[in-house]
Amino acid sequence: MRRTFSTYGAKMRQANREAVATVVALAVIVAVWLVGGIGLAGCGIEVFSTPIWIIGGTIGPWVAAVVCAVVLARCVFADFSLDDDAEAVSDAASAGATGAEGEEARRG
């Protein structure tokens, strides 16, 4: 989804929000891995002659990663360009410099 941000600061806040959400997603995936792998290690359950902790420690985090990626893509990440504001800022800075020179000429 394409979003528009009015300032460079707003874009940086969005980038920080995405970074924090990604770290949270990583923590969720690690927690699923720990619970599915180590948490099930004490069980004597087997599926197709494979201990359940192996399945829980491999398939569980994979499923969690897919779910986290979909949630991040749909709810958190935004498609925006950092270049748009950089051009506007440089144009404003050059216009401001011209304006300041013109102001000095009017005073002088």
Protein backbone atom coordinates (compact mmCIF):
# COMPACT_ATOMS: atom_id res chain seq x y z
CA MET A 1 0.00 0.00 0.00
CA ARG A 2 1.38 3.43 -0.96
CA ARG A 3 1.18 6.04 1.80
CA THR A 4 2.08 9.68 1.67
CA PHE A 5 3.97 11.44 4.44
CA SER A 6 4.17 15.21 4.66
CA THR A 7 7.61 15.48 6.27
CA TYR A 8 10.90 13.66 6.36
CA GLY A 9 10.41 13.21 10.13
CA ALA A 10 7.13 11.40 9.53
CA LYS A 11 8.91 9.05 7.15
CA MET A 12 11.60 8.35 9.75
CA ARG A 13 8.95 7.65 12.41
CA GLN A 14 7.35 5.14 10.02
CA ALA A 15 10.73 3.51 9.38
CA ASN A 16 11.31 3.25 13.14
CA ARG A 17 7.84 1.76 13.60
CA GLU A 18 8.64 -0.87 10.97
CA ALA A 19 11.97 -1.68 12.63
CA VAL A 20 10.39 -2.11 16.07
CA ALA A 21 7.62 -4.28 14.64
CA THR A 22 10.22 -6.46 12.92
CA VAL A 23 12.10 -6.97 16.20
CA VAL A 24 8.83 -7.89 17.91
CA ALA A 25 8.11 -10.39 15.12
CA LEU A 26 11.57 -11.89 15.62
CA ALA A 27 10.89 -12.24 19.36
CA VAL A 28 7.60 -14.02 18.60
CA ILE A 29 9.33 -16.43 16.21
CA VAL A 30 12.07 -17.19 18.76
CA ALA A 31 9.43 -17.78 21.44
CA VAL A 32 7.58 -20.21 19.16
CA TRP A 33 10.87 -21.98 18.44
CA LEU A 34 11.68 -22.28 22.15
CA VAL A 35 8.21 -23.51 23.10
CA GLY A 36 7.90 -25.82 20.09
CA GLY A 37 11.40 -27.26 20.33
CA ILE A 38 12.59 -27.14 23.92
CA GLY A 39 9.13 -26.99 25.47
CA LEU A 40 8.04 -30.22 23.83
CA ALA A 41 11.34 -32.05 24.43
CA GLY A 42 10.01 -33.75 27.55
CA CYS A 43 7.05 -35.30 25.74
CA GLY A 44 7.32 -38.85 24.52
CA ILE A 45 4.92 -38.22 21.65
CA GLU A 46 6.01 -39.27 18.17
CA VAL A 47 4.47 -38.55 14.78
CA PHE A 48 5.56 -40.90 12.00
CA SER A 49 8.43 -42.08 14.24
CA THR A 50 9.64 -38.47 14.69
CA PRO A 51 9.60 -36.85 18.14
CA ILE A 52 7.05 -34.04 18.38
CA TRP A 53 9.71 -31.55 19.54
CA ILE A 54 11.46 -31.83 16.16
CA ILE A 55 8.25 -31.02 14.33
CA GLY A 56 7.39 -28.26 16.79
CA GLY A 57 10.88 -26.79 16.60
CA THR A 58 11.00 -26.69 12.80
CA ILE A 59 7.49 -26.35 11.41
CA GLY A 60 6.23 -24.16 14.26
CA PRO A 61 8.72 -21.31 13.71
CA TRP A 62 8.27 -21.57 9.96
CA VAL A 63 4.50 -21.10 10.29
CA ALA A 64 5.05 -18.29 12.81
CA ALA A 65 7.46 -16.56 10.42
CA VAL A 66 4.98 -16.73 7.55
CA VAL A 67 2.18 -15.36 9.73
CA CYS A 68 4.42 -12.56 11.05
CA ALA A 69 5.51 -11.63 7.53
CA VAL A 70 1.92 -11.38 6.33
CA VAL A 71 0.89 -9.29 9.35
CA LEU A 72 3.87 -6.97 8.93
CA ALA A 73 3.23 -6.54 5.20
CA ARG A 74 -0.48 -5.82 5.57
CA CYS A 75 -0.57 -3.81 8.80
CA VAL A 76 2.81 -2.19 9.45
CA PHE A 77 4.98 -1.68 6.37
CA ALA A 78 4.36 1.29 4.08
CA ASP A 79 5.61 1.92 0.58
CA PHE A 80 7.12 5.39 0.34
CA SER A 81 10.12 7.06 -1.20
CA LEU A 82 12.72 8.86 0.85
CA ASP A 83 13.91 10.76 -2.24
CA ASP A 84 10.80 12.92 -2.72
CA ASP A 85 11.43 15.03 0.37
CA ALA A 86 15.17 15.27 -0.24
CA GLU A 87 14.50 17.08 -3.52
CA ALA A 88 11.90 19.31 -1.91
CA VAL A 89 14.27 20.16 0.96
CA SER A 90 17.11 21.03 -1.42
CA ASP A 91 14.72 23.15 -3.51
CA ALA A 92 13.50 24.92 -0.38
CA ALA A 93 17.06 25.46 0.82
CA SER A 94 18.12 26.99 -2.49
CA ALA A 95 14.96 29.10 -2.57
CA GLY A 96 15.65 30.16 1.03
CA ALA A 97 19.19 31.19 0.12
CA THR A 98 17.88 33.21 -2.82
CA GLY A 99 15.24 34.72 -0.57
CA ALA A 100 17.84 35.69 2.04
CA GLU A 101 20.05 37.35 -0.60
CA GLY A 102 17.05 39.22 -1.95
CA GLU A 103 16.11 40.35 1.56
CA GLU A 104 19.64 41.68 2.15
CA ALA A 105 19.53 43.54 -1.15
CA ARG A 106 16.22 45.19 -0.17
CA ARG A 107 17.63 46.25 3.21
CA GLY A 108 20.98 47.40 1.85
